[in-house]
Amino acid sequence: MATSDEIKARLVAAFAPTRLEILDESEHHRGHAGYREGGESHFRITIRARALADMSRIERHRAIHRALGPELVARIHALSLDADG
């Protein structure tokens, strides 16, 4: 399964988002640290979910990282989050 598909499955299961966009921005980082041929190293995620509404920005980021799990997060070099309720 592609990393982006794993990210989507885990976030949908954890938060039932009303909006979820997952962009693989790896190609923009070609030649930089963490870039891997084939991509799936740099992601930008936009998520809107009621479950995140009452959390601070830091709490939302921590909750998303927990939902993704340490093994998936370890495979991602860079993760940009735009998260809100």
N, C-alpha and C. Protein backbone atom coordinates (compact mmCIF):
# COMPACT_ATOMS: atom_id res chain seq x y z
N MET A 1 0.85 -1.18 0.00
CA MET A 1 0.00 0.00 0.00
C MET A 1 0.90 1.24 0.00
N ALA A 2 0.52 2.22 -0.78
CA ALA A 2 1.27 3.47 -0.84
C ALA A 2 1.17 4.20 0.50
N THR A 3 2.21 4.93 0.85
CA THR A 3 2.22 5.68 2.10
C THR A 3 1.05 6.64 2.18
N SER A 4 0.73 7.31 1.09
CA SER A 4 -0.40 8.25 1.09
C SER A 4 -1.72 7.53 1.37
N ASP A 5 -1.86 6.31 0.87
CA ASP A 5 -3.07 5.53 1.14
C ASP A 5 -3.14 5.12 2.61
N GLU A 6 -1.99 4.78 3.20
CA GLU A 6 -1.95 4.44 4.63
C GLU A 6 -2.32 5.65 5.47
N ILE A 7 -1.78 6.81 5.11
CA ILE A 7 -2.09 8.04 5.84
C ILE A 7 -3.60 8.28 5.79
N LYS A 8 -4.18 8.19 4.61
CA LYS A 8 -5.62 8.42 4.45
C LYS A 8 -6.43 7.44 5.30
N ALA A 9 -6.12 6.17 5.21
CA ALA A 9 -6.88 5.16 5.94
C ALA A 9 -6.82 5.40 7.45
N ARG A 10 -5.65 5.73 7.95
CA ARG A 10 -5.51 5.93 9.40
C ARG A 10 -6.21 7.20 9.88
N LEU A 11 -6.13 8.26 9.09
CA LEU A 11 -6.78 9.50 9.50
C LEU A 11 -8.30 9.41 9.40
N VAL A 12 -8.79 8.75 8.38
CA VAL A 12 -10.24 8.55 8.25
C VAL A 12 -10.76 7.70 9.42
N ALA A 13 -10.04 6.65 9.75
CA ALA A 13 -10.45 5.78 10.86
C ALA A 13 -10.43 6.51 12.20
N ALA A 14 -9.45 7.36 12.40
CA ALA A 14 -9.29 8.03 13.70
C ALA A 14 -10.20 9.24 13.86
N PHE A 15 -10.45 9.99 12.78
CA PHE A 15 -11.10 11.29 12.93
C PHE A 15 -12.38 11.49 12.11
N ALA A 16 -12.72 10.61 11.19
CA ALA A 16 -13.88 10.79 10.32
C ALA A 16 -13.94 12.22 9.79
N PRO A 17 -12.90 12.65 9.09
CA PRO A 17 -12.82 14.05 8.67
C PRO A 17 -13.90 14.45 7.67
N THR A 18 -14.27 15.73 7.72
CA THR A 18 -15.19 16.30 6.73
C THR A 18 -14.40 16.77 5.51
N ARG A 19 -13.12 16.99 5.70
CA ARG A 19 -12.22 17.36 4.60
C ARG A 19 -10.86 16.72 4.87
N LEU A 20 -10.29 16.11 3.84
CA LEU A 20 -8.97 15.51 3.97
C LEU A 20 -8.26 15.58 2.63
N GLU A 21 -7.14 16.29 2.61
CA GLU A 21 -6.30 16.37 1.42
C GLU A 21 -4.90 15.93 1.81
N ILE A 22 -4.34 15.04 1.02
CA ILE A 22 -3.00 14.55 1.27
C ILE A 22 -2.20 14.76 -0.01
N LEU A 23 -1.24 15.66 0.06
CA LEU A 23 -0.42 15.97 -1.11
C LEU A 23 1.00 15.45 -0.90
N ASP A 24 1.49 14.70 -1.86
CA ASP A 24 2.88 14.24 -1.84
C ASP A 24 3.71 15.33 -2.51
N GLU A 25 4.45 16.07 -1.71
CA GLU A 25 5.27 17.17 -2.21
C GLU A 25 6.73 16.78 -2.36
N SER A 26 7.01 15.50 -2.39
CA SER A 26 8.38 15.01 -2.42
C SER A 26 9.17 15.54 -3.60
N GLU A 27 8.56 15.63 -4.75
CA GLU A 27 9.28 16.05 -5.95
C GLU A 27 9.83 17.48 -5.81
N HIS A 28 9.16 18.29 -5.00
CA HIS A 28 9.64 19.65 -4.76
C HIS A 28 10.93 19.67 -3.95
N HIS A 29 11.28 18.54 -3.36
CA HIS A 29 12.45 18.45 -2.48
C HIS A 29 13.57 17.60 -3.08
N ARG A 30 13.48 17.35 -4.37
CA ARG A 30 14.53 16.58 -5.05
C ARG A 30 15.88 17.24 -4.79
N GLY A 31 16.85 16.45 -4.36
CA GLY A 31 18.18 16.95 -4.07
C GLY A 31 18.36 17.43 -2.64
N HIS A 32 17.28 17.48 -1.88
CA HIS A 32 17.36 17.91 -0.48
C HIS A 32 17.42 16.69 0.44
N ALA A 33 17.73 16.93 1.68
CA ALA A 33 17.79 15.86 2.68
C ALA A 33 16.44 15.15 2.77
N GLY A 34 16.49 13.86 2.88
CA GLY A 34 15.28 13.07 3.07
C GLY A 34 14.55 12.70 1.80
N TYR A 35 14.93 13.27 0.67
CA TYR A 35 14.26 12.94 -0.59
C TYR A 35 14.58 11.49 -0.96
N ARG A 36 13.55 10.77 -1.42
CA ARG A 36 13.73 9.41 -1.91
C ARG A 36 13.19 9.33 -3.32
N GLU A 37 13.91 8.65 -4.17
CA GLU A 37 13.43 8.42 -5.54
C GLU A 37 12.08 7.72 -5.45
N GLY A 38 11.13 8.20 -6.20
CA GLY A 38 9.79 7.62 -6.16
C GLY A 38 8.85 8.38 -5.24
N GLY A 39 9.38 9.33 -4.48
CA GLY A 39 8.54 10.16 -3.63
C GLY A 39 8.15 9.53 -2.32
N GLU A 40 7.01 9.97 -1.80
CA GLU A 40 6.45 9.51 -0.53
C GLU A 40 7.37 9.77 0.66
N SER A 41 8.03 10.93 0.63
CA SER A 41 8.88 11.32 1.75
C SER A 41 8.45 12.65 2.37
N HIS A 42 7.77 13.49 1.61
CA HIS A 42 7.35 14.82 2.06
C HIS A 42 5.86 14.98 1.77
N PHE A 43 5.06 15.20 2.82
CA PHE A 43 3.62 15.31 2.66
C PHE A 43 3.07 16.59 3.27
N ARG A 44 2.01 17.10 2.65
CA ARG A 44 1.22 18.21 3.20
C ARG A 44 -0.19 17.67 3.38
N ILE A 45 -0.69 17.77 4.61
CA ILE A 45 -2.01 17.25 4.94
C ILE A 45 -2.90 18.40 5.41
N THR A 46 -4.09 18.49 4.82
CA THR A 46 -5.12 19.40 5.28
C THR A 46 -6.25 18.53 5.79
N ILE A 47 -6.64 18.74 7.04
CA ILE A 47 -7.69 17.91 7.63
C ILE A 47 -8.62 18.79 8.46
N ARG A 48 -9.91 18.54 8.29
CA ARG A 48 -10.95 19.18 9.10
C ARG A 48 -11.79 18.06 9.70
N ALA A 49 -11.89 18.06 11.01
CA ALA A 49 -12.65 17.01 11.69
C ALA A 49 -13.19 17.53 13.01
N ARG A 50 -14.41 17.20 13.29
CA ARG A 50 -15.04 17.61 14.54
C ARG A 50 -14.23 17.13 15.75
N ALA A 51 -13.61 15.96 15.64
CA ALA A 51 -12.82 15.41 16.75
C ALA A 51 -11.63 16.29 17.11
N LEU A 52 -11.20 17.15 16.21
CA LEU A 52 -10.05 18.02 16.45
C LEU A 52 -10.46 19.41 16.96
N ALA A 53 -11.75 19.70 16.95
CA ALA A 53 -12.26 21.05 17.20
C ALA A 53 -11.86 21.63 18.55
N ASP A 54 -11.89 20.86 19.60
CA ASP A 54 -11.63 21.39 20.94
C ASP A 54 -10.18 21.27 21.37
N MET A 55 -9.30 20.94 20.44
CA MET A 55 -7.89 20.76 20.76
C MET A 55 -7.09 22.00 20.37
N SER A 56 -6.02 22.22 21.10
CA SER A 56 -5.07 23.27 20.71
C SER A 56 -4.32 22.79 19.47
N ARG A 57 -3.60 23.69 18.85
CA ARG A 57 -2.82 23.33 17.66
C ARG A 57 -1.85 22.18 17.97
N ILE A 58 -1.16 22.28 19.09
CA ILE A 58 -0.20 21.23 19.48
C ILE A 58 -0.92 19.91 19.74
N GLU A 59 -2.05 19.95 20.41
CA GLU A 59 -2.82 18.73 20.68
C GLU A 59 -3.29 18.08 19.38
N ARG A 60 -3.72 18.91 18.41
CA ARG A 60 -4.14 18.35 17.12
C ARG A 60 -2.98 17.64 16.43
N HIS A 61 -1.82 18.27 16.42
CA HIS A 61 -0.65 17.66 15.78
C HIS A 61 -0.26 16.37 16.48
N ARG A 62 -0.28 16.36 17.79
CA ARG A 62 0.04 15.14 18.54
C ARG A 62 -0.98 14.03 18.26
N ALA A 63 -2.25 14.40 18.20
CA ALA A 63 -3.30 13.40 17.93
C ALA A 63 -3.12 12.80 16.53
N ILE A 64 -2.77 13.62 15.56
CA ILE A 64 -2.55 13.14 14.20
C ILE A 64 -1.34 12.21 14.16
N HIS A 65 -0.27 12.59 14.82
CA HIS A 65 0.92 11.72 14.87
C HIS A 65 0.59 10.39 15.54
N ARG A 66 -0.19 10.42 16.63
CA ARG A 66 -0.60 9.18 17.30
C ARG A 66 -1.43 8.31 16.35
N ALA A 67 -2.35 8.93 15.63
CA ALA A 67 -3.21 8.19 14.70
C ALA A 67 -2.38 7.54 13.58
N LEU A 68 -1.37 8.24 13.11
CA LEU A 68 -0.52 7.68 12.05
C LEU A 68 0.35 6.55 12.59
N GLY A 69 0.78 6.67 13.83
CA GLY A 69 1.60 5.64 14.45
C GLY A 69 3.08 5.84 14.18
N PRO A 70 3.91 5.41 15.11
CA PRO A 70 5.35 5.65 15.01
C PRO A 70 6.02 5.00 13.80
N GLU A 71 5.54 3.84 13.38
CA GLU A 71 6.17 3.16 12.25
C GLU A 71 5.91 3.90 10.94
N LEU A 72 4.73 4.48 10.77
CA LEU A 72 4.43 5.25 9.57
C LEU A 72 5.12 6.61 9.61
N VAL A 73 5.08 7.27 10.75
CA VAL A 73 5.74 8.57 10.89
C VAL A 73 7.25 8.43 10.62
N ALA A 74 7.85 7.34 11.03
CA ALA A 74 9.28 7.13 10.82
C ALA A 74 9.64 7.04 9.33
N ARG A 75 8.70 6.66 8.49
CA ARG A 75 8.96 6.56 7.05
C ARG A 75 8.80 7.88 6.32
N ILE A 76 8.28 8.88 7.00
CA ILE A 76 8.03 10.19 6.40
C ILE A 76 9.13 11.15 6.84
N HIS A 77 9.75 11.81 5.89
CA HIS A 77 10.81 12.76 6.25
C HIS A 77 10.23 14.09 6.72
N ALA A 78 9.18 14.57 6.04
CA ALA A 78 8.59 15.87 6.39
C ALA A 78 7.08 15.79 6.30
N LEU A 79 6.41 16.34 7.30
CA LEU A 79 4.96 16.31 7.36
C LEU A 79 4.47 17.69 7.75
N SER A 80 3.77 18.35 6.83
CA SER A 80 3.19 19.66 7.08
C SER A 80 1.69 19.48 7.35
N LEU A 81 1.22 20.02 8.45
CA LEU A 81 -0.17 19.82 8.85
C LEU A 81 -0.94 21.12 8.92
N ASP A 82 -2.11 21.12 8.30
CA ASP A 82 -3.10 22.18 8.43
C ASP A 82 -4.32 21.48 9.00
N ALA A 83 -4.48 21.55 10.31
CA ALA A 83 -5.53 20.77 10.98
C ALA A 83 -6.43 21.70 11.78
N ASP A 84 -7.74 21.42 11.71
CA ASP A 84 -8.70 22.22 12.44
C ASP A 84 -9.99 21.42 12.61
N GLY A 85 -10.85 21.93 13.45
CA GLY A 85 -12.12 21.27 13.71
C GLY A 85 -13.18 21.64 12.74
